[in-house]
Amino acid sequence: MSDFEKHYSELFDYVYRYVFIRLQNKAITEDLVSSIFLSALEKQHQYDAQRGSWRQWITGIARNAIFTHWKKQKPQMQFNELMFETVPASSDVSDTLWQFQTMLKSLSDEFRLLFIMRYEEDLTYEQIAAEIGKKPAAVRKIFSRLHQELRVKFPHLKTNHHS
């Protein structure tokens, strides 16, 4: 069994879940996962164990594939629907959660992806920049403007963001 075959078996379910959670469409997920592994097979000579694990490497390929998919067409599912159930605004906690959901819904799909890359996946600005093909300073500026916009739109939400 080749290295790629071994990792394919180990990582298929992970990659499938990673894509499905973000797209919530079985047919598109299956197509995208196939293209992700085909791309990984074609690029396996580029894998460098000193730069990270196979899982990290394939996650980068999956993230790029999802980002490219969203750039080509409007997604039908919003991230906020996946991250949180709808919560009625009836208590302080649920009101804050409802405001946070509203804030997430206000983001464009591309900003939502960047938001998740930064705060759910805990990527640095440098890692995000490498993933989307921009300079780290440009990514910092994007987040600075995004945070400012969110503070204006949602002044009641307390935001503690990474620098």
N, C-alpha and C. Protein backbone atom coordinates (compact mmCIF):
# COMPACT_ATOMS: atom_id res chain seq x y z
N MET A 1 0.85 -1.18 0.00
CA MET A 1 0.00 0.00 0.00
C MET A 1 0.90 1.24 0.00
N SER A 2 0.62 2.16 -0.91
CA SER A 2 1.42 3.39 -1.00
C SER A 2 1.08 4.32 0.16
N ASP A 3 1.94 5.31 0.37
CA ASP A 3 1.71 6.32 1.40
C ASP A 3 0.38 7.03 1.17
N PHE A 4 0.13 7.39 -0.09
CA PHE A 4 -1.10 8.09 -0.42
C PHE A 4 -2.32 7.22 -0.10
N GLU A 5 -2.29 5.95 -0.48
CA GLU A 5 -3.42 5.04 -0.22
C GLU A 5 -3.68 4.92 1.28
N LYS A 6 -2.63 4.82 2.05
CA LYS A 6 -2.77 4.72 3.51
C LYS A 6 -3.46 5.97 4.06
N HIS A 7 -3.00 7.13 3.63
CA HIS A 7 -3.56 8.38 4.14
C HIS A 7 -4.97 8.62 3.60
N TYR A 8 -5.22 8.18 2.39
CA TYR A 8 -6.57 8.31 1.83
C TYR A 8 -7.55 7.58 2.74
N SER A 9 -7.23 6.35 3.10
CA SER A 9 -8.11 5.56 3.97
C SER A 9 -8.30 6.23 5.33
N GLU A 10 -7.23 6.77 5.87
CA GLU A 10 -7.29 7.41 7.19
C GLU A 10 -8.05 8.74 7.17
N LEU A 11 -7.97 9.47 6.06
CA LEU A 11 -8.46 10.84 6.02
C LEU A 11 -9.78 11.05 5.28
N PHE A 12 -10.27 10.03 4.58
CA PHE A 12 -11.47 10.24 3.76
C PHE A 12 -12.65 10.75 4.60
N ASP A 13 -12.97 10.07 5.70
CA ASP A 13 -14.12 10.47 6.52
C ASP A 13 -13.94 11.89 7.06
N TYR A 14 -12.72 12.20 7.50
CA TYR A 14 -12.43 13.54 8.02
C TYR A 14 -12.68 14.60 6.94
N VAL A 15 -12.14 14.39 5.75
CA VAL A 15 -12.30 15.38 4.68
C VAL A 15 -13.77 15.49 4.28
N TYR A 16 -14.46 14.37 4.21
CA TYR A 16 -15.87 14.40 3.86
C TYR A 16 -16.65 15.26 4.86
N ARG A 17 -16.44 15.01 6.15
CA ARG A 17 -17.13 15.80 7.19
C ARG A 17 -16.74 17.27 7.10
N TYR A 18 -15.46 17.54 6.92
CA TYR A 18 -14.95 18.91 6.83
C TYR A 18 -15.67 19.67 5.72
N VAL A 19 -15.82 19.06 4.57
CA VAL A 19 -16.48 19.70 3.43
C VAL A 19 -17.99 19.77 3.66
N PHE A 20 -18.59 18.68 4.11
CA PHE A 20 -20.05 18.65 4.27
C PHE A 20 -20.53 19.67 5.29
N ILE A 21 -19.81 19.82 6.38
CA ILE A 21 -20.19 20.79 7.41
C ILE A 21 -20.23 22.20 6.82
N ARG A 22 -19.37 22.48 5.88
CA ARG A 22 -19.30 23.81 5.29
C ARG A 22 -20.26 24.02 4.13
N LEU A 23 -20.65 22.96 3.45
CA LEU A 23 -21.51 23.11 2.28
C LEU A 23 -22.93 22.59 2.48
N GLN A 24 -23.10 21.62 3.37
CA GLN A 24 -24.42 21.04 3.66
C GLN A 24 -25.16 20.58 2.40
N ASN A 25 -24.42 20.03 1.46
CA ASN A 25 -25.03 19.50 0.24
C ASN A 25 -24.27 18.23 -0.11
N LYS A 26 -24.96 17.09 -0.05
CA LYS A 26 -24.30 15.79 -0.23
C LYS A 26 -23.67 15.65 -1.61
N ALA A 27 -24.40 16.01 -2.66
CA ALA A 27 -23.89 15.84 -4.02
C ALA A 27 -22.65 16.71 -4.27
N ILE A 28 -22.72 17.96 -3.84
CA ILE A 28 -21.58 18.87 -4.03
C ILE A 28 -20.41 18.39 -3.18
N THR A 29 -20.69 17.95 -1.96
CA THR A 29 -19.63 17.45 -1.09
C THR A 29 -18.93 16.27 -1.73
N GLU A 30 -19.69 15.32 -2.25
CA GLU A 30 -19.09 14.14 -2.88
C GLU A 30 -18.20 14.54 -4.06
N ASP A 31 -18.69 15.46 -4.88
CA ASP A 31 -17.90 15.92 -6.03
C ASP A 31 -16.63 16.62 -5.57
N LEU A 32 -16.78 17.49 -4.59
CA LEU A 32 -15.63 18.25 -4.11
C LEU A 32 -14.60 17.36 -3.43
N VAL A 33 -15.06 16.40 -2.63
CA VAL A 33 -14.14 15.49 -1.95
C VAL A 33 -13.36 14.68 -2.99
N SER A 34 -14.05 14.26 -4.04
CA SER A 34 -13.35 13.53 -5.12
C SER A 34 -12.27 14.39 -5.74
N SER A 35 -12.61 15.65 -6.01
CA SER A 35 -11.62 16.52 -6.64
C SER A 35 -10.48 16.86 -5.68
N ILE A 36 -10.79 16.94 -4.39
CA ILE A 36 -9.75 17.21 -3.38
C ILE A 36 -8.73 16.07 -3.36
N PHE A 37 -9.23 14.83 -3.33
CA PHE A 37 -8.30 13.70 -3.29
C PHE A 37 -7.58 13.51 -4.63
N LEU A 38 -8.23 13.83 -5.72
CA LEU A 38 -7.56 13.77 -7.02
C LEU A 38 -6.44 14.79 -7.06
N SER A 39 -6.72 15.99 -6.58
CA SER A 39 -5.70 17.04 -6.51
C SER A 39 -4.54 16.60 -5.60
N ALA A 40 -4.87 16.02 -4.46
CA ALA A 40 -3.84 15.55 -3.53
C ALA A 40 -2.99 14.46 -4.17
N LEU A 41 -3.64 13.56 -4.91
CA LEU A 41 -2.90 12.50 -5.60
C LEU A 41 -1.92 13.10 -6.61
N GLU A 42 -2.41 14.08 -7.37
CA GLU A 42 -1.57 14.73 -8.38
C GLU A 42 -0.43 15.53 -7.75
N LYS A 43 -0.67 16.06 -6.54
CA LYS A 43 0.32 16.93 -5.89
C LYS A 43 1.07 16.24 -4.75
N GLN A 44 0.91 14.93 -4.61
CA GLN A 44 1.51 14.25 -3.46
C GLN A 44 3.02 14.44 -3.39
N HIS A 45 3.66 14.66 -4.53
CA HIS A 45 5.11 14.90 -4.54
C HIS A 45 5.46 16.23 -3.87
N GLN A 46 4.47 17.12 -3.70
CA GLN A 46 4.71 18.41 -3.06
C GLN A 46 4.59 18.33 -1.53
N TYR A 47 4.04 17.23 -1.03
CA TYR A 47 3.87 17.09 0.42
C TYR A 47 5.24 17.08 1.10
N ASP A 48 5.35 17.86 2.18
CA ASP A 48 6.59 17.96 2.94
C ASP A 48 6.26 17.71 4.41
N ALA A 49 6.69 16.58 4.92
CA ALA A 49 6.38 16.19 6.30
C ALA A 49 6.92 17.20 7.32
N GLN A 50 7.96 17.93 6.97
CA GLN A 50 8.52 18.91 7.90
C GLN A 50 7.63 20.14 8.03
N ARG A 51 6.71 20.33 7.07
CA ARG A 51 5.80 21.49 7.13
C ARG A 51 4.47 21.15 7.78
N GLY A 52 4.21 19.87 8.04
CA GLY A 52 2.97 19.48 8.68
C GLY A 52 2.57 18.07 8.33
N SER A 53 1.50 17.63 8.97
CA SER A 53 1.01 16.27 8.75
C SER A 53 0.20 16.18 7.46
N TRP A 54 -0.10 14.96 7.03
CA TRP A 54 -0.97 14.75 5.87
C TRP A 54 -2.32 15.40 6.12
N ARG A 55 -2.82 15.30 7.34
CA ARG A 55 -4.13 15.89 7.66
C ARG A 55 -4.10 17.41 7.46
N GLN A 56 -3.05 18.06 7.92
CA GLN A 56 -2.94 19.50 7.73
C GLN A 56 -2.84 19.85 6.25
N TRP A 57 -2.08 19.06 5.52
CA TRP A 57 -1.88 19.30 4.10
C TRP A 57 -3.19 19.15 3.33
N ILE A 58 -3.91 18.07 3.59
CA ILE A 58 -5.17 17.83 2.88
C ILE A 58 -6.24 18.84 3.31
N THR A 59 -6.18 19.30 4.56
CA THR A 59 -7.11 20.33 5.02
C THR A 59 -6.90 21.62 4.23
N GLY A 60 -5.66 21.95 3.96
CA GLY A 60 -5.36 23.13 3.15
C GLY A 60 -5.92 23.00 1.74
N ILE A 61 -5.79 21.82 1.16
CA ILE A 61 -6.34 21.58 -0.18
C ILE A 61 -7.86 21.67 -0.13
N ALA A 62 -8.46 21.10 0.91
CA ALA A 62 -9.93 21.14 1.06
C ALA A 62 -10.41 22.58 1.25
N ARG A 63 -9.72 23.34 2.08
CA ARG A 63 -10.10 24.73 2.33
C ARG A 63 -10.06 25.53 1.03
N ASN A 64 -9.01 25.34 0.26
CA ASN A 64 -8.89 26.04 -1.03
C ASN A 64 -10.00 25.62 -1.98
N ALA A 65 -10.33 24.34 -2.00
CA ALA A 65 -11.38 23.85 -2.89
C ALA A 65 -12.74 24.46 -2.51
N ILE A 66 -13.01 24.56 -1.22
CA ILE A 66 -14.27 25.16 -0.76
C ILE A 66 -14.29 26.65 -1.12
N PHE A 67 -13.20 27.33 -0.87
CA PHE A 67 -13.12 28.76 -1.17
C PHE A 67 -13.34 28.98 -2.67
N THR A 68 -12.70 28.17 -3.50
CA THR A 68 -12.86 28.28 -4.96
C THR A 68 -14.30 27.98 -5.35
N HIS A 69 -14.90 26.98 -4.73
CA HIS A 69 -16.31 26.65 -5.02
C HIS A 69 -17.20 27.84 -4.72
N TRP A 70 -16.99 28.49 -3.58
CA TRP A 70 -17.82 29.64 -3.21
C TRP A 70 -17.60 30.82 -4.14
N LYS A 71 -16.37 30.98 -4.59
CA LYS A 71 -16.11 32.09 -5.51
C LYS A 71 -16.83 31.88 -6.84
N LYS A 72 -16.99 30.62 -7.25
CA LYS A 72 -17.62 30.32 -8.53
C LYS A 72 -19.14 30.39 -8.49
N GLN A 73 -19.71 30.12 -7.34
CA GLN A 73 -21.17 30.14 -7.24
C GLN A 73 -21.60 30.49 -5.83
N LYS A 74 -22.79 30.97 -5.73
CA LYS A 74 -23.35 31.34 -4.43
C LYS A 74 -23.75 30.06 -3.69
N PRO A 75 -23.27 29.87 -2.46
CA PRO A 75 -23.69 28.69 -1.70
C PRO A 75 -25.15 28.81 -1.26
N GLN A 76 -25.77 27.67 -1.03
CA GLN A 76 -27.17 27.66 -0.63
C GLN A 76 -27.33 27.56 0.88
N MET A 77 -26.27 27.22 1.58
CA MET A 77 -26.34 27.04 3.02
C MET A 77 -25.43 28.06 3.69
N GLN A 78 -25.88 28.63 4.77
CA GLN A 78 -25.10 29.62 5.51
C GLN A 78 -24.40 28.95 6.68
N PHE A 79 -23.17 29.39 7.01
CA PHE A 79 -22.42 28.82 8.12
C PHE A 79 -23.16 28.97 9.44
N ASN A 80 -23.80 30.10 9.63
CA ASN A 80 -24.45 30.32 10.92
C ASN A 80 -25.51 29.26 11.19
N GLU A 81 -26.12 28.72 10.17
CA GLU A 81 -27.12 27.66 10.37
C GLU A 81 -26.46 26.38 10.84
N LEU A 82 -25.20 26.22 10.54
CA LEU A 82 -24.47 25.02 10.94
C LEU A 82 -23.87 25.15 12.32
N MET A 83 -23.45 26.36 12.66
CA MET A 83 -22.74 26.55 13.93
C MET A 83 -23.67 26.66 15.12
N PHE A 84 -24.89 27.17 14.88
CA PHE A 84 -25.80 27.39 16.00
C PHE A 84 -27.22 27.05 15.59
N GLU A 85 -27.97 26.52 16.52
CA GLU A 85 -29.40 26.36 16.30
C GLU A 85 -30.05 27.72 16.51
N THR A 86 -31.20 27.93 15.92
CA THR A 86 -31.91 29.18 16.12
C THR A 86 -32.35 29.27 17.58
N VAL A 87 -32.03 30.38 18.18
CA VAL A 87 -32.33 30.58 19.60
C VAL A 87 -33.26 31.77 19.76
N PRO A 88 -34.41 31.59 20.40
CA PRO A 88 -35.28 32.75 20.63
C PRO A 88 -34.63 33.71 21.63
N ALA A 89 -34.80 34.98 21.41
CA ALA A 89 -34.19 35.99 22.28
C ALA A 89 -35.06 36.18 23.52
N SER A 90 -34.92 35.28 24.51
CA SER A 90 -35.76 35.36 25.69
C SER A 90 -34.97 35.46 27.00
N SER A 91 -33.67 35.34 26.94
CA SER A 91 -32.85 35.50 28.14
C SER A 91 -31.56 36.19 27.73
N ASP A 92 -30.77 36.59 28.72
CA ASP A 92 -29.50 37.28 28.41
C ASP A 92 -28.59 36.41 27.55
N VAL A 93 -28.47 35.12 27.92
CA VAL A 93 -27.59 34.22 27.16
C VAL A 93 -28.13 34.00 25.76
N SER A 94 -29.42 33.69 25.64
CA SER A 94 -29.96 33.44 24.31
C SER A 94 -30.00 34.72 23.49
N ASP A 95 -30.17 35.87 24.13
CA ASP A 95 -30.16 37.13 23.41
C ASP A 95 -28.77 37.39 22.82
N THR A 96 -27.73 37.12 23.59
CA THR A 96 -26.37 37.29 23.08
C THR A 96 -26.11 36.32 21.94
N LEU A 97 -26.54 35.08 22.08
CA LEU A 97 -26.37 34.09 21.02
C LEU A 97 -27.15 34.51 19.78
N TRP A 98 -28.36 35.00 19.97
CA TRP A 98 -29.17 35.47 18.85
C TRP A 98 -28.47 36.63 18.14
N GLN A 99 -27.90 37.56 18.92
CA GLN A 99 -27.17 38.69 18.32
C GLN A 99 -25.95 38.18 17.54
N PHE A 100 -25.28 37.19 18.11
CA PHE A 100 -24.11 36.63 17.43
C PHE A 100 -24.53 35.96 16.12
N GLN A 101 -25.63 35.22 16.15
CA GLN A 101 -26.15 34.60 14.92
C GLN A 101 -26.48 35.68 13.89
N THR A 102 -27.11 36.73 14.33
CA THR A 102 -27.46 37.84 13.43
C THR A 102 -26.21 38.44 12.83
N MET A 103 -25.18 38.61 13.64
CA MET A 103 -23.91 39.14 13.16
C MET A 103 -23.32 38.21 12.11
N LEU A 104 -23.31 36.91 12.36
CA LEU A 104 -22.77 35.96 11.39
C LEU A 104 -23.56 35.98 10.08
N LYS A 105 -24.87 36.10 10.20
CA LYS A 105 -25.72 36.15 9.00
C LYS A 105 -25.43 37.39 8.17
N SER A 106 -24.96 38.45 8.82
CA SER A 106 -24.70 39.70 8.10
C SER A 106 -23.42 39.63 7.26
N LEU A 107 -22.57 38.65 7.52
CA LEU A 107 -21.31 38.55 6.80
C LEU A 107 -21.52 37.94 5.42
N SER A 108 -20.74 38.37 4.45
CA SER A 108 -20.75 37.72 3.14
C SER A 108 -20.17 36.32 3.31
N ASP A 109 -20.39 35.47 2.34
CA ASP A 109 -19.86 34.10 2.41
C ASP A 109 -18.34 34.10 2.54
N GLU A 110 -17.68 34.98 1.81
CA GLU A 110 -16.22 35.02 1.87
C GLU A 110 -15.75 35.50 3.24
N PHE A 111 -16.39 36.53 3.82
CA PHE A 111 -16.02 36.98 5.16
C PHE A 111 -16.32 35.91 6.19
N ARG A 112 -17.42 35.19 6.02
CA ARG A 112 -17.77 34.12 6.95
C ARG A 112 -16.70 33.05 6.94
N LEU A 113 -16.20 32.70 5.74
CA LEU A 113 -15.13 31.71 5.64
C LEU A 113 -13.87 32.22 6.34
N LEU A 114 -13.51 33.48 6.10
CA LEU A 114 -12.33 34.05 6.76
C LEU A 114 -12.52 34.06 8.28
N PHE A 115 -13.72 34.42 8.72
CA PHE A 115 -14.06 34.45 10.14
C PHE A 115 -13.86 33.06 10.76
N ILE A 116 -14.34 32.04 10.08
CA ILE A 116 -14.22 30.67 10.59
C ILE A 116 -12.77 30.21 10.56
N MET A 117 -12.05 30.56 9.49
CA MET A 117 -10.63 30.19 9.43
C MET A 117 -9.88 30.78 10.62
N ARG A 118 -10.22 32.00 10.97
CA ARG A 118 -9.50 32.69 12.05
C ARG A 118 -9.95 32.21 13.43
N TYR A 119 -11.25 32.13 13.66
CA TYR A 119 -11.75 31.91 15.01
C TYR A 119 -12.18 30.48 15.32
N GLU A 120 -12.58 29.73 14.33
CA GLU A 120 -12.92 28.32 14.58
C GLU A 120 -11.70 27.44 14.37
N GLU A 121 -10.98 27.69 13.28
CA GLU A 121 -9.82 26.87 12.96
C GLU A 121 -8.54 27.44 13.56
N ASP A 122 -8.63 28.63 14.14
CA ASP A 122 -7.53 29.27 14.85
C ASP A 122 -6.28 29.45 13.99
N LEU A 123 -6.48 29.82 12.72
CA LEU A 123 -5.35 30.07 11.83
C LEU A 123 -4.83 31.49 12.06
N THR A 124 -3.53 31.66 11.87
CA THR A 124 -2.93 32.99 11.98
C THR A 124 -3.24 33.77 10.70
N TYR A 125 -3.00 35.08 10.76
CA TYR A 125 -3.18 35.89 9.57
C TYR A 125 -2.26 35.41 8.44
N GLU A 126 -1.06 34.98 8.81
CA GLU A 126 -0.11 34.50 7.82
C GLU A 126 -0.62 33.23 7.16
N GLN A 127 -1.19 32.31 7.94
CA GLN A 127 -1.74 31.08 7.38
C GLN A 127 -2.94 31.37 6.48
N ILE A 128 -3.80 32.26 6.91
CA ILE A 128 -4.96 32.64 6.10
C ILE A 128 -4.48 33.27 4.80
N ALA A 129 -3.51 34.16 4.89
CA ALA A 129 -2.96 34.82 3.70
C ALA A 129 -2.44 33.79 2.70
N ALA A 130 -1.72 32.80 3.21
CA ALA A 130 -1.18 31.75 2.33
C ALA A 130 -2.31 30.96 1.67
N GLU A 131 -3.38 30.72 2.43
CA GLU A 131 -4.51 29.95 1.90
C GLU A 131 -5.27 30.69 0.81
N ILE A 132 -5.41 32.01 0.95
CA ILE A 132 -6.24 32.75 0.00
C ILE A 132 -5.43 33.55 -1.01
N GLY A 133 -4.09 33.45 -0.92
CA GLY A 133 -3.25 34.12 -1.90
C GLY A 133 -3.13 35.62 -1.73
N LYS A 134 -3.16 36.08 -0.49
CA LYS A 134 -2.98 37.51 -0.21
C LYS A 134 -1.80 37.67 0.75
N LYS A 135 -1.38 38.90 0.92
CA LYS A 135 -0.29 39.18 1.87
C LYS A 135 -0.88 39.27 3.28
N PRO A 136 -0.11 38.87 4.30
CA PRO A 136 -0.60 38.95 5.68
C PRO A 136 -1.10 40.34 6.06
N ALA A 137 -0.43 41.38 5.60
CA ALA A 137 -0.88 42.75 5.92
C ALA A 137 -2.26 43.02 5.35
N ALA A 138 -2.54 42.48 4.17
CA ALA A 138 -3.86 42.67 3.56
C ALA A 138 -4.92 41.93 4.37
N VAL A 139 -4.58 40.76 4.87
CA VAL A 139 -5.53 39.99 5.69
C VAL A 139 -5.79 40.72 7.00
N ARG A 140 -4.75 41.27 7.62
CA ARG A 140 -4.93 42.04 8.86
C ARG A 140 -5.86 43.22 8.61
N LYS A 141 -5.68 43.89 7.49
CA LYS A 141 -6.51 45.04 7.16
C LYS A 141 -7.97 44.60 6.96
N ILE A 142 -8.17 43.47 6.29
CA ILE A 142 -9.52 42.93 6.09
C ILE A 142 -10.19 42.71 7.45
N PHE A 143 -9.46 42.08 8.37
CA PHE A 143 -10.03 41.80 9.69
C PHE A 143 -10.24 43.07 10.50
N SER A 144 -9.34 44.02 10.37
CA SER A 144 -9.51 45.29 11.07
C SER A 144 -10.79 45.98 10.62
N ARG A 145 -11.01 46.03 9.31
CA ARG A 145 -12.23 46.64 8.78
C ARG A 145 -13.46 45.83 9.18
N LEU A 146 -13.34 44.51 9.14
CA LEU A 146 -14.46 43.65 9.53
C LEU A 146 -14.83 43.87 10.99
N HIS A 147 -13.85 43.90 11.87
CA HIS A 147 -14.12 44.13 13.30
C HIS A 147 -14.76 45.49 13.53
N GLN A 148 -14.25 46.51 12.84
CA GLN A 148 -14.83 47.85 12.98
C GLN A 148 -16.28 47.85 12.52
N GLU A 149 -16.55 47.23 11.38
CA GLU A 149 -17.92 47.16 10.86
C GLU A 149 -18.84 46.43 11.83
N LEU A 150 -18.35 45.34 12.41
CA LEU A 150 -19.17 44.58 13.36
C LEU A 150 -19.42 45.37 14.64
N ARG A 151 -18.42 46.13 15.09
CA ARG A 151 -18.61 46.96 16.30
C ARG A 151 -19.67 48.03 16.05
N VAL A 152 -19.71 48.56 14.85
CA VAL A 152 -20.70 49.58 14.52
C VAL A 152 -22.09 48.95 14.39
N LYS A 153 -22.17 47.83 13.69
CA LYS A 153 -23.47 47.17 13.47
C LYS A 153 -24.02 46.53 14.74
N PHE A 154 -23.14 46.02 15.59
CA PHE A 154 -23.56 45.26 16.77
C PHE A 154 -22.81 45.76 18.00
N PRO A 155 -23.12 46.97 18.45
CA PRO A 155 -22.37 47.56 19.56
C PRO A 155 -22.56 46.83 20.88
N HIS A 156 -23.63 46.03 21.01
CA HIS A 156 -23.88 45.34 22.26
C HIS A 156 -23.09 44.05 22.40
N LEU A 157 -22.53 43.55 21.29
CA LEU A 157 -21.72 42.34 21.36
C LEU A 157 -20.31 42.71 21.80
N LYS A 158 -19.84 42.03 22.81
CA LYS A 158 -18.46 42.23 23.24
C LYS A 158 -17.58 41.34 22.39
N THR A 159 -16.58 41.90 21.75
CA THR A 159 -15.71 41.10 20.91
C THR A 159 -14.30 41.14 21.44
N ASN A 160 -13.76 39.95 21.67
CA ASN A 160 -12.35 39.80 22.01
C ASN A 160 -11.74 39.03 20.86
N HIS A 161 -11.00 39.71 20.02
CA HIS A 161 -10.43 39.05 18.87
C HIS A 161 -8.94 38.95 18.99
N HIS A 162 -8.37 37.96 18.28
CA HIS A 162 -6.92 37.76 18.27
C HIS A 162 -6.30 38.91 17.50
N SER A 163 -5.05 39.17 17.81
CA SER A 163 -4.31 40.18 17.03
C SER A 163 -3.37 39.49 16.10
